[in-house]
PDB file of N, CA and C in Angstrom:
ATOM      1  N   MET A   1       3.280 -80.365 -26.362  1.00  0.00           N
ATOM      2  CA  MET A   1       2.198 -79.062 -26.393  1.00  0.00           C
ATOM      3  C   MET A   1       3.051 -77.963 -26.291  1.00  0.00           C
ATOM      4  N   HIS A   2       2.213 -77.284 -27.184  1.00  0.00           N
ATOM      5  CA  HIS A   2       2.415 -75.879 -27.643  1.00  0.00           C
ATOM      6  C   HIS A   2       1.492 -75.008 -26.254  1.00  0.00           C
ATOM      7  N   ALA A   3       2.423 -74.349 -26.105  1.00  0.00           N
ATOM      8  CA  ALA A   3       2.222 -72.840 -25.457  1.00  0.00           C
ATOM      9  C   ALA A   3       1.398 -72.021 -26.146  1.00  0.00           C
ATOM     10  N   GLN A   4       0.237 -71.707 -25.356  1.00  0.00           N
ATOM     11  CA  GLN A   4      -0.674 -70.655 -25.778  1.00  0.00           C
ATOM     12  C   GLN A   4      -0.361 -69.126 -25.303  1.00  0.00           C
ATOM     13  N   PRO A   5      -0.747 -68.265 -26.068  1.00  0.00           N
ATOM     14  CA  PRO A   5      -0.663 -67.054 -25.428  1.00  0.00           C
ATOM     15  C   PRO A   5      -1.976 -66.811 -24.562  1.00  0.00           C
ATOM     16  N   PRO A   6      -1.744 -66.146 -23.090  1.00  0.00           N
ATOM     17  CA  PRO A   6      -2.586 -65.782 -22.246  1.00  0.00           C
ATOM     18  C   PRO A   6      -3.707 -64.985 -23.157  1.00  0.00           C
ATOM     19  N   LEU A   7      -4.850 -65.408 -22.154  1.00  0.00           N
ATOM     20  CA  LEU A   7      -6.094 -64.186 -23.230  1.00  0.00           C
ATOM     21  C   LEU A   7      -5.632 -63.039 -22.901  1.00  0.00           C
ATOM     22  N   PHE A   8      -5.261 -62.794 -21.726  1.00  0.00           N
ATOM     23  CA  PHE A   8      -5.532 -61.384 -21.338  1.00  0.00           C
ATOM     24  C   PHE A   8      -4.009 -61.030 -21.100  1.00  0.00           C
ATOM     25  N   THR A   9      -3.567 -60.249 -21.467  1.00  0.00           N
ATOM     26  CA  THR A   9      -2.228 -59.398 -21.044  1.00  0.00           C
ATOM     27  C   THR A   9      -2.136 -58.244 -20.389  1.00  0.00           C
ATOM     28  N   ARG A  10      -1.418 -58.020 -19.323  1.00  0.00           N
ATOM     29  CA  ARG A  10      -1.617 -56.838 -19.022  1.00  0.00           C
ATOM     30  C   ARG A  10      -0.656 -55.716 -19.763  1.00  0.00           C
ATOM     31  N   ALA A  11      -1.642 -54.782 -19.765  1.00  0.00           N
ATOM     32  CA  ALA A  11      -1.601 -53.676 -20.399  1.00  0.00           C
ATOM     33  C   ALA A  11      -0.674 -52.580 -19.617  1.00  0.00           C
ATOM     34  N   ARG A  12       0.147 -52.160 -20.295  1.00  0.00           N
ATOM     35  CA  ARG A  12       1.404 -51.458 -19.665  1.00  0.00           C
ATOM     36  C   ARG A  12       0.590 -50.120 -19.297  1.00  0.00           C
ATOM     37  N   PRO A  13       0.752 -49.615 -17.907  1.00  0.00           N
ATOM     38  CA  PRO A  13       0.353 -48.382 -17.708  1.00  0.00           C
ATOM     39  C   PRO A  13       0.960 -47.591 -18.770  1.00  0.00           C
ATOM     40  N   ARG A  14      -0.032 -46.717 -19.232  1.00  0.00           N
ATOM     41  CA  ARG A  14       0.095 -45.392 -19.672  1.00  0.00           C
ATOM     42  C   ARG A  14       0.505 -44.198 -19.146  1.00  0.00           C
ATOM     43  N   ARG A  15       1.398 -43.678 -19.621  1.00  0.00           N
ATOM     44  CA  ARG A  15       1.777 -42.047 -18.958  1.00  0.00           C
ATOM     45  C   ARG A  15       1.023 -40.762 -19.370  1.00  0.00           C
ATOM     46  N   ARG A  16      -0.071 -40.614 -18.426  1.00  0.00           N
ATOM     47  CA  ARG A  16      -0.496 -39.396 -19.115  1.00  0.00           C
ATOM     48  C   ARG A  16       0.070 -38.109 -18.661  1.00  0.00           C
ATOM     49  N   SER A  17       0.304 -37.263 -19.674  1.00  0.00           N
ATOM     50  CA  SER A  17       0.704 -35.765 -19.579  1.00  0.00           C
ATOM     51  C   SER A  17      -0.577 -34.940 -19.317  1.00  0.00           C
ATOM     52  N   LEU A  18      -0.433 -33.886 -18.727  1.00  0.00           N
ATOM     53  CA  LEU A  18      -1.045 -33.051 -18.401  1.00  0.00           C
ATOM     54  C   LEU A  18      -1.462 -32.243 -19.831  1.00  0.00           C
ATOM     55  N   PRO A  19      -2.507 -31.567 -20.030  1.00  0.00           N
ATOM     56  CA  PRO A  19      -2.843 -30.992 -21.568  1.00  0.00           C
ATOM     57  C   PRO A  19      -2.362 -29.807 -21.152  1.00  0.00           C
ATOM     58  N   ILE A  20      -1.986 -29.113 -22.241  1.00  0.00           N
ATOM     59  CA  ILE A  20      -1.279 -27.460 -22.215  1.00  0.00           C
ATOM     60  C   ILE A  20      -2.205 -26.547 -21.115  1.00  0.00           C
ATOM     61  N   PRO A  21      -3.293 -26.468 -21.434  1.00  0.00           N
ATOM     62  CA  PRO A  21      -4.060 -25.685 -20.804  1.00  0.00           C
ATOM     63  C   PRO A  21      -4.010 -25.501 -19.247  1.00  0.00           C
ATOM     64  N   ALA A  22      -4.085 -26.990 -18.790  1.00  0.00           N
ATOM     65  CA  ALA A  22      -3.712 -27.065 -17.215  1.00  0.00           C
ATOM     66  C   ALA A  22      -2.418 -26.829 -16.844  1.00  0.00           C
ATOM     67  N   LEU A  23      -1.624 -27.072 -17.847  1.00  0.00           N
ATOM     68  CA  LEU A  23      -0.070 -26.759 -17.378  1.00  0.00           C
ATOM     69  C   LEU A  23      -0.149 -25.212 -17.495  1.00  0.00           C
ATOM     70  N   PHE A  24      -0.609 -24.248 -18.423  1.00  0.00           N
ATOM     71  CA  PHE A  24      -0.345 -23.011 -17.986  1.00  0.00           C
ATOM     72  C   PHE A  24      -1.340 -22.455 -16.972  1.00  0.00           C
ATOM     73  N   ALA A  25      -2.609 -23.211 -16.547  1.00  0.00           N
ATOM     74  CA  ALA A  25      -3.088 -22.626 -15.661  1.00  0.00           C
ATOM     75  C   ALA A  25      -2.276 -23.101 -14.506  1.00  0.00           C
ATOM     76  N   ALA A  26      -1.456 -24.145 -14.259  1.00  0.00           N
ATOM     77  CA  ALA A  26      -0.908 -24.461 -13.080  1.00  0.00           C
ATOM     78  C   ALA A  26       0.379 -23.375 -13.091  1.00  0.00           C
ATOM     79  N   PHE A  27       1.047 -23.146 -13.620  1.00  0.00           N
ATOM     80  CA  PHE A  27       1.921 -21.754 -14.020  1.00  0.00           C
ATOM     81  C   PHE A  27       1.547 -20.472 -13.422  1.00  0.00           C
ATOM     82  N   ALA A  28       0.199 -20.098 -14.379  1.00  0.00           N
ATOM     83  CA  ALA A  28      -0.713 -18.938 -13.759  1.00  0.00           C
ATOM     84  C   ALA A  28      -0.427 -19.064 -12.346  1.00  0.00           C
ATOM     85  N   ALA A  29      -0.939 -19.978 -11.705  1.00  0.00           N
ATOM     86  CA  ALA A  29      -1.454 -20.231 -10.446  1.00  0.00           C
ATOM     87  C   ALA A  29      -0.081 -19.859  -9.164  1.00  0.00           C
ATOM     88  N   VAL A  30       1.079 -20.576 -10.087  1.00  0.00           N
ATOM     89  CA  VAL A  30       2.033 -20.439  -9.138  1.00  0.00           C
ATOM     90  C   VAL A  30       2.402 -18.384  -9.306  1.00  0.00           C
ATOM     91  N   VAL A  31       2.823 -18.146 -10.499  1.00  0.00           N
ATOM     92  CA  VAL A  31       3.275 -17.125 -10.649  1.00  0.00           C
ATOM     93  C   VAL A  31       2.282 -15.893  -9.929  1.00  0.00           C
ATOM     94  N   ALA A  32       0.893 -15.990  -9.648  1.00  0.00           N
ATOM     95  CA  ALA A  32       0.057 -15.312  -8.988  1.00  0.00           C
ATOM     96  C   ALA A  32       0.344 -15.398  -7.583  1.00  0.00           C
ATOM     97  N   GLY A  33       0.492 -16.305  -6.661  1.00  0.00           N
ATOM     98  CA  GLY A  33       0.951 -16.880  -5.678  1.00  0.00           C
ATOM     99  C   GLY A  33       2.207 -16.232  -5.450  1.00  0.00           C
ATOM    100  N   LEU A  34       3.096 -16.010  -6.319  1.00  0.00           N
ATOM    101  CA  LEU A  34       4.414 -15.315  -6.074  1.00  0.00           C
ATOM    102  C   LEU A  34       4.309 -14.131  -5.833  1.00  0.00           C
ATOM    103  N   VAL A  35       3.519 -13.513  -6.727  1.00  0.00           N
ATOM    104  CA  VAL A  35       3.196 -11.771  -6.699  1.00  0.00           C
ATOM    105  C   VAL A  35       2.750 -11.815  -5.594  1.00  0.00           C
ATOM    106  N   LEU A  36       1.749 -12.352  -4.987  1.00  0.00           N
ATOM    107  CA  LEU A  36       1.012 -11.983  -3.775  1.00  0.00           C
ATOM    108  C   LEU A  36       1.790 -12.424  -2.865  1.00  0.00           C
ATOM    109  N   LEU A  37       2.576 -12.858  -2.783  1.00  0.00           N
ATOM    110  CA  LEU A  37       3.552 -13.192  -1.358  1.00  0.00           C
ATOM    111  C   LEU A  37       4.577 -11.561  -1.427  1.00  0.00           C
ATOM    112  N   VAL A  38       5.123 -11.358  -2.582  1.00  0.00           N
ATOM    113  CA  VAL A  38       5.581 -10.478  -2.650  1.00  0.00           C
ATOM    114  C   VAL A  38       5.073  -9.229  -2.387  1.00  0.00           C
ATOM    115  N   GLY A  39       3.987  -9.157  -2.711  1.00  0.00           N
ATOM    116  CA  GLY A  39       3.325  -7.961  -2.339  1.00  0.00           C
ATOM    117  C   GLY A  39       3.114  -7.664  -0.950  1.00  0.00           C
ATOM    118  N   LEU A  40       2.790  -8.428  -0.137  1.00  0.00           N
ATOM    119  CA  LEU A  40       2.297  -8.960   1.069  1.00  0.00           C
ATOM    120  C   LEU A  40       3.911  -8.553   1.914  1.00  0.00           C
ATOM    121  N   ALA A  41       5.178  -8.908   1.082  1.00  0.00           N
ATOM    122  CA  ALA A  41       6.065  -8.573   1.643  1.00  0.00           C
ATOM    123  C   ALA A  41       6.786  -7.066   1.973  1.00  0.00           C
ATOM    124  N   PHE A  42       5.855  -6.574   0.979  1.00  0.00           N
ATOM    125  CA  PHE A  42       6.147  -4.880   0.716  1.00  0.00           C
ATOM    126  C   PHE A  42       5.437  -3.918   1.175  1.00  0.00           C
ATOM    127  N   ALA A  43       4.264  -4.568   1.554  1.00  0.00           N
ATOM    128  CA  ALA A  43       2.781  -3.592   1.836  1.00  0.00           C
ATOM    129  C   ALA A  43       3.546  -2.514   3.269  1.00  0.00           C
ATOM    130  N   GLY A  44       4.315  -3.148   4.013  1.00  0.00           N
ATOM    131  CA  GLY A  44       4.299  -2.614   5.396  1.00  0.00           C
ATOM    132  C   GLY A  44       3.306  -3.118   6.374  1.00  0.00           C
ATOM    133  N   GLN A  45       3.617  -2.478   7.510  1.00  0.00           N
ATOM    134  CA  GLN A  45       2.802  -2.815   8.549  1.00  0.00           C
ATOM    135  C   GLN A  45       1.604  -1.994   8.557  1.00  0.00           C
ATOM    136  N   ARG A  46       0.373  -2.712   9.297  1.00  0.00           N
ATOM    137  CA  ARG A  46      -0.809  -2.188   9.022  1.00  0.00           C
ATOM    138  C   ARG A  46      -0.932  -0.982   9.761  1.00  0.00           C
ATOM    139  N   SER A  47      -0.010  -0.940  11.014  1.00  0.00           N
ATOM    140  CA  SER A  47       0.209   0.064  11.951  1.00  0.00           C
ATOM    141  C   SER A  47       0.711   1.069  11.245  1.00  0.00           C
ATOM    142  N   GLU A  48       1.382   1.071  10.846  1.00  0.00           N
ATOM    143  CA  GLU A  48       2.247   2.262   9.697  1.00  0.00           C
ATOM    144  C   GLU A  48       1.408   2.633   8.161  1.00  0.00           C
ATOM    145  N   LEU A  49       1.542   4.095   8.083  1.00  0.00           N
ATOM    146  CA  LEU A  49       0.677   4.826   7.172  1.00  0.00           C
ATOM    147  C   LEU A  49       1.650   4.164   5.698  1.00  0.00           C
ATOM    148  N   ALA A  50       0.990   3.886   4.752  1.00  0.00           N
ATOM    149  CA  ALA A  50       1.478   3.447   3.460  1.00  0.00           C
ATOM    150  C   ALA A  50       2.496   3.988   2.821  1.00  0.00           C
ATOM    151  N   ALA A  51       3.454   3.226   2.084  1.00  0.00           N
ATOM    152  CA  ALA A  51       4.944   4.033   1.779  1.00  0.00           C
ATOM    153  C   ALA A  51       4.110   5.364   0.515  1.00  0.00           C
ATOM    154  N   GLY A  52       4.335   6.515   0.312  1.00  0.00           N
ATOM    155  CA  GLY A  52       4.157   7.572  -0.575  1.00  0.00           C
ATOM    156  C   GLY A  52       3.189   8.330   0.062  1.00  0.00           C
ATOM    157  N   THR A  53       2.264   8.222   1.351  1.00  0.00           N
ATOM    158  CA  THR A  53       1.601   8.844   2.230  1.00  0.00           C
ATOM    159  C   THR A  53       2.133  10.563   2.217  1.00  0.00           C
ATOM    160  N   GLU A  54       0.678  11.545   1.458  1.00  0.00           N
ATOM    161  CA  GLU A  54       1.549  12.917   1.882  1.00  0.00           C
ATOM    162  C   GLU A  54       0.586  13.562   2.600  1.00  0.00           C
ATOM    163  N   VAL A  55       0.732  13.902   3.826  1.00  0.00           N
ATOM    164  CA  VAL A  55      -0.335  15.316   4.299  1.00  0.00           C
ATOM    165  C   VAL A  55       0.359  16.792   4.114  1.00  0.00           C
ATOM    166  N   ALA A  56      -0.276  17.410   3.652  1.00  0.00           N
ATOM    167  CA  ALA A  56       0.238  19.040   3.272  1.00  0.00           C
ATOM    168  C   ALA A  56       1.278  19.090   2.609  1.00  0.00           C
ATOM    169  N   GLY A  57       1.641  17.795   1.877  1.00  0.00           N
ATOM    170  CA  GLY A  57       2.969  17.963   0.976  1.00  0.00           C
ATOM    171  C   GLY A  57       3.835  17.388   1.675  1.00  0.00           C
ATOM    172  N   ILE A  58       3.865  16.788   2.949  1.00  0.00           N
ATOM    173  CA  ILE A  58       4.909  16.535   3.790  1.00  0.00           C
ATOM    174  C   ILE A  58       4.527  14.786   3.600  1.00  0.00           C
ATOM    175  N   GLU A  59       5.930  14.082   3.143  1.00  0.00           N
ATOM    176  CA  GLU A  59       5.834  12.625   3.300  1.00  0.00           C
ATOM    177  C   GLU A  59       5.801  11.925   4.483  1.00  0.00           C
ATOM    178  N   VAL A  60       5.091  11.317   4.737  1.00  0.00           N
ATOM    179  CA  VAL A  60       4.855  10.556   6.522  1.00  0.00           C
ATOM    180  C   VAL A  60       4.594   9.124   6.263  1.00  0.00           C
ATOM    181  N   GLY A  61       4.969   8.242   4.955  1.00  0.00           N
ATOM    182  CA  GLY A  61       4.651   7.441   4.862  1.00  0.00           C
ATOM    183  C   GLY A  61       5.851   6.546   5.668  1.00  0.00           C
ATOM    184  N   GLY A  62       5.535   5.326   6.461  1.00  0.00           N
ATOM    185  CA  GLY A  62       6.124   4.110   7.049  1.00  0.00           C
ATOM    186  C   GLY A  62       6.221   4.764   8.283  1.00  0.00           C
ATOM    187  N   LEU A  63       5.473   6.148   8.934  1.00  0.00           N
ATOM    188  CA  LEU A  63       5.284   6.258  10.311  1.00  0.00           C
ATOM    189  C   LEU A  63       3.852   5.792  10.656  1.00  0.00           C
ATOM    190  N   THR A  64       3.774   5.650  11.977  1.00  0.00           N
ATOM    191  CA  THR A  64       2.455   5.214  12.795  1.00  0.00           C
ATOM    192  C   THR A  64       1.875   6.878  12.609  1.00  0.00           C
ATOM    193  N   GLN A  65       0.259   6.725  12.725  1.00  0.00           N
ATOM    194  CA  GLN A  65      -0.265   8.217  12.804  1.00  0.00           C
ATOM    195  C   GLN A  65       0.350   9.042  13.638  1.00  0.00           C
ATOM    196  N   ARG A  66       0.502   8.169  15.222  1.00  0.00           N
ATOM    197  CA  ARG A  66       0.918   9.411  15.997  1.00  0.00           C
ATOM    198  C   ARG A  66       2.454   9.982  15.705  1.00  0.00           C
ATOM    199  N   GLU A  67       3.266   9.414  15.025  1.00  0.00           N
ATOM    200  CA  GLU A  67       4.414   9.807  14.525  1.00  0.00           C
ATOM    201  C   GLU A  67       4.278  10.656  13.626  1.00  0.00           C
ATOM    202  N   ALA A  68       3.314  10.836  12.559  1.00  0.00           N
ATOM    203  CA  ALA A  68       3.090  11.482  11.729  1.00  0.00           C
ATOM    204  C   ALA A  68       2.217  12.836  12.071  1.00  0.00           C
ATOM    205  N   VAL A  69       1.355  12.921  13.252  1.00  0.00           N
ATOM    206  CA  VAL A  69       1.204  13.889  13.950  1.00  0.00           C
ATOM    207  C   VAL A  69       2.214  14.582  14.360  1.00  0.00           C
ATOM    208  N   VAL A  70       2.966  14.262  15.215  1.00  0.00           N
ATOM    209  CA  VAL A  70       4.367  15.105  15.815  1.00  0.00           C
ATOM    210  C   VAL A  70       4.857  15.506  14.813  1.00  0.00           C
ATOM    211  N   LYS A  71       5.377  14.870  13.827  1.00  0.00           N
ATOM    212  CA  LYS A  71       5.908  15.635  12.918  1.00  0.00           C
ATOM    213  C   LYS A  71       5.444  16.720  12.337  1.00  0.00           C
ATOM    214  N   LEU A  72       4.027  16.762  11.543  1.00  0.00           N
ATOM    215  CA  LEU A  72       3.406  17.820  11.007  1.00  0.00           C
ATOM    216  C   LEU A  72       3.301  18.695  12.110  1.00  0.00           C
ATOM    217  N   ASP A  73       3.085  18.556  13.224  1.00  0.00           N
ATOM    218  CA  ASP A  73       2.932  19.563  14.226  1.00  0.00           C
ATOM    219  C   ASP A  73       4.265  20.379  14.846  1.00  0.00           C
ATOM    220  N   ALA A  74       4.895  19.221  14.570  1.00  0.00           N
ATOM    221  CA  ALA A  74       6.693  19.959  14.551  1.00  0.00           C
ATOM    222  C   ALA A  74       6.752  21.180  13.582  1.00  0.00           C
ATOM    223  N   LEU A  75       6.594  20.639  12.157  1.00  0.00           N
ATOM    224  CA  LEU A  75       7.009  21.931  11.231  1.00  0.00           C
ATOM    225  C   LEU A  75       5.791  22.417  11.214  1.00  0.00           C
ATOM    226  N   PHE A  76       4.740  22.572  11.690  1.00  0.00           N
ATOM    227  CA  PHE A  76       3.874  23.542  11.965  1.00  0.00           C
ATOM    228  C   PHE A  76       4.189  24.613  12.797  1.00  0.00           C
ATOM    229  N   GLU A  77       4.902  24.320  13.796  1.00  0.00           N
ATOM    230  CA  GLU A  77       5.195  25.503  14.694  1.00  0.00           C
ATOM    231  C   GLU A  77       6.463  25.975  14.307  1.00  0.00           C
ATOM    232  N   VAL A  78       7.099  25.229  13.477  1.00  0.00           N
ATOM    233  CA  VAL A  78       8.349  26.147  12.982  1.00  0.00           C
ATOM    234  C   VAL A  78       8.288  27.075  11.362  1.00  0.00           C
ATOM    235  N   GLY A  79       6.831  26.741  10.842  1.00  0.00           N
ATOM    236  CA  GLY A  79       6.438  27.626   9.862  1.00  0.00           C
ATOM    237  C   GLY A  79       5.072  28.545  10.451  1.00  0.00           C
ATOM    238  N   SER A  80       4.949  28.272  11.577  1.00  0.00           N
ATOM    239  CA  SER A  80       3.915  29.076  12.323  1.00  0.00           C
ATOM    240  C   SER A  80       3.907  30.646  12.417  1.00  0.00           C
ATOM    241  N   THR A  81       5.420  30.731  12.365  1.00  0.00           N
ATOM    242  CA  THR A  81       5.780  32.205  12.789  1.00  0.00           C
ATOM    243  C   THR A  81       6.155  33.097  11.147  1.00  0.00           C
ATOM    244  N   ASN A  82       5.945  32.201  10.026  1.00  0.00           N
ATOM    245  CA  ASN A  82       6.154  33.127   8.754  1.00  0.00           C
ATOM    246  C   ASN A  82       5.006  33.954   8.760  1.00  0.00           C
ATOM    247  N   PRO A  83       4.940  35.198   8.688  1.00  0.00           N
ATOM    248  CA  PRO A  83       4.125  36.017   7.999  1.00  0.00           C
ATOM    249  C   PRO A  83       3.613  35.869   6.347  1.00  0.00           C
ATOM    250  N   ALA A  84       2.279  36.037   6.483  1.00  0.00           N
ATOM    251  CA  ALA A  84       1.699  36.186   5.198  1.00  0.00           C
ATOM    252  C   ALA A  84       0.833  37.096   4.926  1.00  0.00           C
ATOM    253  N   GLU A  85       1.118  37.639   3.641  1.00  0.00           N
ATOM    254  CA  GLU A  85       0.253  39.059   3.384  1.00  0.00           C
ATOM    255  C   GLU A  85      -1.215  39.034   2.884  1.00  0.00           C
ATOM    256  N   PHE A  86      -1.827  39.715   3.201  1.00  0.00           N
ATOM    257  CA  PHE A  86      -3.606  39.526   2.825  1.00  0.00           C
ATOM    258  C   PHE A  86      -3.885  41.013   2.461  1.00  0.00           C
ATOM    259  N   ALA A  87      -4.301  41.097   1.638  1.00  0.00           N
ATOM    260  CA  ALA A  87      -4.531  42.239   0.620  1.00  0.00           C
ATOM    261  C   ALA A  87      -6.285  42.417   0.729  1.00  0.00           C
ATOM    262  N   ALA A  88      -6.836  43.601   0.937  1.00  0.00           N
ATOM    263  CA  ALA A  88      -8.014  43.933   1.108  1.00  0.00           C
ATOM    264  C   ALA A  88      -8.348  45.436   0.507  1.00  0.00           C
ATOM    265  N   GLY A  89      -8.775  45.456  -0.943  1.00  0.00           N
ATOM    266  CA  GLY A  89      -8.641  46.512  -1.369  1.00  0.00           C
ATOM    267  C   GLY A  89      -7.568  46.817  -1.788  1.00  0.00           C
ATOM    268  N   ALA A  90      -7.043  48.636  -1.336  1.00  0.00           N
ATOM    269  CA  ALA A  90      -5.771  49.250  -1.550  1.00  0.00           C
ATOM    270  C   ALA A  90      -4.796  48.686  -0.180  1.00  0.00           C
ATOM    271  N   LYS A  91      -5.348  47.948   0.718  1.00  0.00           N
ATOM    272  CA  LYS A  91      -4.596  47.849   1.877  1.00  0.00           C
ATOM    273  C   LYS A  91      -4.336  46.249   1.962  1.00  0.00           C
ATOM    274  N   THR A  92      -3.051  45.909   2.612  1.00  0.00           N
ATOM    275  CA  THR A  92      -2.395  44.862   2.824  1.00  0.00           C
ATOM    276  C   THR A  92      -1.646  44.529   4.153  1.00  0.00           C
ATOM    277  N   TYR A  93      -2.227  43.405   4.476  1.00  0.00           N
ATOM    278  CA  TYR A  93      -2.074  43.358   6.162  1.00  0.00           C
ATOM    279  C   TYR A  93      -1.156  42.078   6.231  1.00  0.00           C
ATOM    280  N   THR A  94      -0.266  42.058   7.312  1.00  0.00           N
ATOM    281  CA  THR A  94       0.586  40.634   7.134  1.00  0.00           C
ATOM    282  C   THR A  94       0.604  40.148   8.481  1.00  0.00           C
ATOM    283  N   PHE A  95       0.000  38.697   8.651  1.00  0.00           N
ATOM    284  CA  PHE A  95      -0.174  37.810   9.957  1.00  0.00           C
ATOM    285  C   PHE A  95       0.518  36.937   9.841  1.00  0.00           C
ATOM    286  N   ALA A  96       1.086  36.366  10.841  1.00  0.00           N
ATOM    287  CA  ALA A  96       1.591  34.739  10.720  1.00  0.00           C
ATOM    288  C   ALA A  96       0.245  34.113  11.545  1.00  0.00           C
ATOM    289  N   PRO A  97       0.387  32.511  10.701  1.00  0.00           N
ATOM    290  CA  PRO A  97      -1.040  31.515  11.509  1.00  0.00           C
ATOM    291  C   PRO A  97      -0.617  31.928  12.994  1.00  0.00           C
ATOM    292  N   ASN A  98       0.009  31.973  13.293  1.00  0.00           N
ATOM    293  CA  ASN A  98       0.151  32.068  15.264  1.00  0.00           C
ATOM    294  C   ASN A  98      -0.558  33.484  15.909  1.00  0.00           C
ATOM    295  N   GLN A  99      -0.488  34.381  14.758  1.00  0.00           N
ATOM    296  CA  GLN A  99      -1.177  35.391  15.453  1.00  0.00           C
ATOM    297  C   GLN A  99      -2.655  35.261  15.039  1.00  0.00           C
ATOM    298  N   LEU A 100      -3.146  34.549  14.202  1.00  0.00           N
ATOM    299  CA  LEU A 100      -4.238  34.778  13.762  1.00  0.00           C
ATOM    300  C   LEU A 100      -5.258  33.177  14.419  1.00  0.00           C
ATOM    301  N   GLY A 101      -4.316  32.463  15.178  1.00  0.00           N
ATOM    302  CA  GLY A 101      -4.727  31.212  16.376  1.00  0.00           C
ATOM    303  C   GLY A 101      -5.294  30.083  14.789  1.00  0.00           C
ATOM    304  N   VAL A 102      -4.710  29.918  14.267  1.00  0.00           N
ATOM    305  CA  VAL A 102      -4.815  28.934  13.228  1.00  0.00           C
ATOM    306  C   VAL A 102      -4.263  27.468  13.744  1.00  0.00           C
ATOM    307  N   ARG A 103      -4.934  26.522  14.021  1.00  0.00           N
ATOM    308  CA  ARG A 103      -4.270  25.121  14.271  1.00  0.00           C
ATOM    309  C   ARG A 103      -5.089  24.200  13.654  1.00  0.00           C
ATOM    310  N   PRO A 104      -4.222  23.646  12.613  1.00  0.00           N
ATOM    311  CA  PRO A 104      -4.657  22.709  12.007  1.00  0.00           C
ATOM    312  C   PRO A 104      -4.716  21.546  12.585  1.00  0.00           C
ATOM    313  N   ASP A 105      -5.989  20.592  12.147  1.00  0.00           N
ATOM    314  CA  ASP A 105      -6.362  19.295  12.923  1.00  0.00           C
ATOM    315  C   ASP A 105      -5.311  18.067  12.162  1.00  0.00           C
ATOM    316  N   TRP A 106      -4.180  18.087  12.377  1.00  0.00           N
ATOM    317  CA  TRP A 106      -3.423  16.936  11.964  1.00  0.00           C
ATOM    318  C   TRP A 106      -3.811  15.989  12.307  1.00  0.00           C
ATOM    319  N   SER A 107      -4.533  15.472  13.538  1.00  0.00           N
ATOM    320  CA  SER A 107      -4.483  14.112  13.635  1.00  0.00           C
ATOM    321  C   SER A 107      -5.972  13.540  12.965  1.00  0.00           C
ATOM    322  N   GLY A 108      -6.995  14.711  12.487  1.00  0.00           N
ATOM    323  CA  GLY A 108      -8.028  14.218  11.102  1.00  0.00           C
ATOM    324  C   GLY A 108      -7.466  13.836   9.720  1.00  0.00           C
ATOM    325  N   ALA A 109      -6.480  14.690   9.712  1.00  0.00           N
ATOM    326  CA  ALA A 109      -5.719  14.659   8.206  1.00  0.00           C
ATOM    327  C   ALA A 109      -4.990  13.366   8.063  1.00  0.00           C
ATOM    328  N   VAL A 110      -4.348  12.935   9.071  1.00  0.00           N
ATOM    329  CA  VAL A 110      -3.642  11.892   9.057  1.00  0.00           C
ATOM    330  C   VAL A 110      -4.356  10.915   8.846  1.00  0.00           C
ATOM    331  N   ALA A 111      -5.295  10.776   9.907  1.00  0.00           N
ATOM    332  CA  ALA A 111      -6.616   9.648   9.654  1.00  0.00           C
ATOM    333  C   ALA A 111      -7.408   9.722   8.813  1.00  0.00           C
ATOM    334  N   ALA A 112      -7.734  10.463   7.533  1.00  0.00           N
ATOM    335  CA  ALA A 112      -7.713  10.495   6.309  1.00  0.00           C
ATOM    336  C   ALA A 112      -6.945   9.874   5.443  1.00  0.00           C
ATOM    337  N   ALA A 113      -5.438  10.084   5.556  1.00  0.00           N
ATOM    338  CA  ALA A 113      -4.659   9.719   4.782  1.00  0.00           C
ATOM    339  C   ALA A 113      -4.733   8.450   4.986  1.00  0.00           C
ATOM    340  N   ALA A 114      -4.703   7.733   6.333  1.00  0.00           N
ATOM    341  CA  ALA A 114      -4.419   6.693   6.445  1.00  0.00           C
ATOM    342  C   ALA A 114      -5.802   5.597   5.809  1.00  0.00           C
ATOM    343  N   ARG A 115      -6.936   6.255   6.487  1.00  0.00           N
ATOM    344  CA  ARG A 115      -8.342   5.586   5.409  1.00  0.00           C
ATOM    345  C   ARG A 115      -7.741   5.783   4.008  1.00  0.00           C
ATOM    346  N   ALA A 116      -7.120   6.686   3.147  1.00  0.00           N
ATOM    347  CA  ALA A 116      -7.354   6.760   1.942  1.00  0.00           C
ATOM    348  C   ALA A 116      -6.045   5.137   1.410  1.00  0.00           C
ATOM    349  N   GLY A 117      -5.202   5.448   2.098  1.00  0.00           N
ATOM    350  CA  GLY A 117      -4.282   4.458   1.828  1.00  0.00           C
ATOM    351  C   GLY A 117      -4.321   2.739   2.584  1.00  0.00           C
ATOM    352  N   ASP A 118      -5.356   2.868   3.055  1.00  0.00           N
ATOM    353  CA  ASP A 118      -5.733   1.603   3.736  1.00  0.00           C
ATOM    354  C   ASP A 118      -6.191   0.627   2.951  1.00  0.00           C
ATOM    355  N   GLY A 119      -5.913  -0.628   2.986  1.00  0.00           N
ATOM    356  CA  GLY A 119      -6.491  -1.515   1.932  1.00  0.00           C
ATOM    357  C   GLY A 119      -5.692  -2.837   2.404  1.00  0.00           C
ATOM    358  N   PHE A 120      -6.538  -3.974   1.658  1.00  0.00           N
ATOM    359  CA  PHE A 120      -5.480  -5.402   1.799  1.00  0.00           C
ATOM    360  C   PHE A 120      -4.193  -5.310   1.403  1.00  0.00           C
ATOM    361  N   GLY A 121      -3.211  -5.909   1.947  1.00  0.00           N
ATOM    362  CA  GLY A 121      -2.014  -6.209   1.898  1.00  0.00           C
ATOM    363  C   GLY A 121      -0.959  -5.569   1.018  1.00  0.00           C
ATOM    364  N   PRO A 122      -0.833  -6.439   0.042  1.00  0.00           N
ATOM    365  CA  PRO A 122      -0.690  -5.759  -1.453  1.00  0.00           C
ATOM    366  C   PRO A 122      -0.911  -4.702  -2.371  1.00  0.00           C
ATOM    367  N   VAL A 123      -2.195  -4.507  -1.681  1.00  0.00           N
ATOM    368  CA  VAL A 123      -2.985  -3.679  -2.254  1.00  0.00           C
ATOM    369  C   VAL A 123      -2.849  -1.764  -2.082  1.00  0.00           C
ATOM    370  N   ARG A 124      -2.102  -2.138  -0.539  1.00  0.00           N
ATOM    371  CA  ARG A 124      -1.530  -0.980  -0.247  1.00  0.00           C
ATOM    372  C   ARG A 124      -1.023   0.108  -0.845  1.00  0.00           C
TER     373      ARG A 124
END
């Protein structure tokens, strides 16, 4: 007797590889995820002002709003005795800010800076 080959043979499962666009999309997703994680790591805490924040030319980034107000107020107190010259016609007058009753609204300025520098984690 002769052995006959089976009518059906098991086909070996073909190993499928992902198409190039799918591989590229997966790679892009991994890179985007890493960028997001790094951004979150360096964004700073939401209780602090964003890095690079300045109020009246003074760097206050990394400070809380309260710390920034205290810093700005202390610097103003030191500089408020420095006189400035004002001219009106041919006459000149010299006044210091503390003589004129000038009081800056540091709380308002810092709050505005915080709003301007606020945002979602890595975008801060």
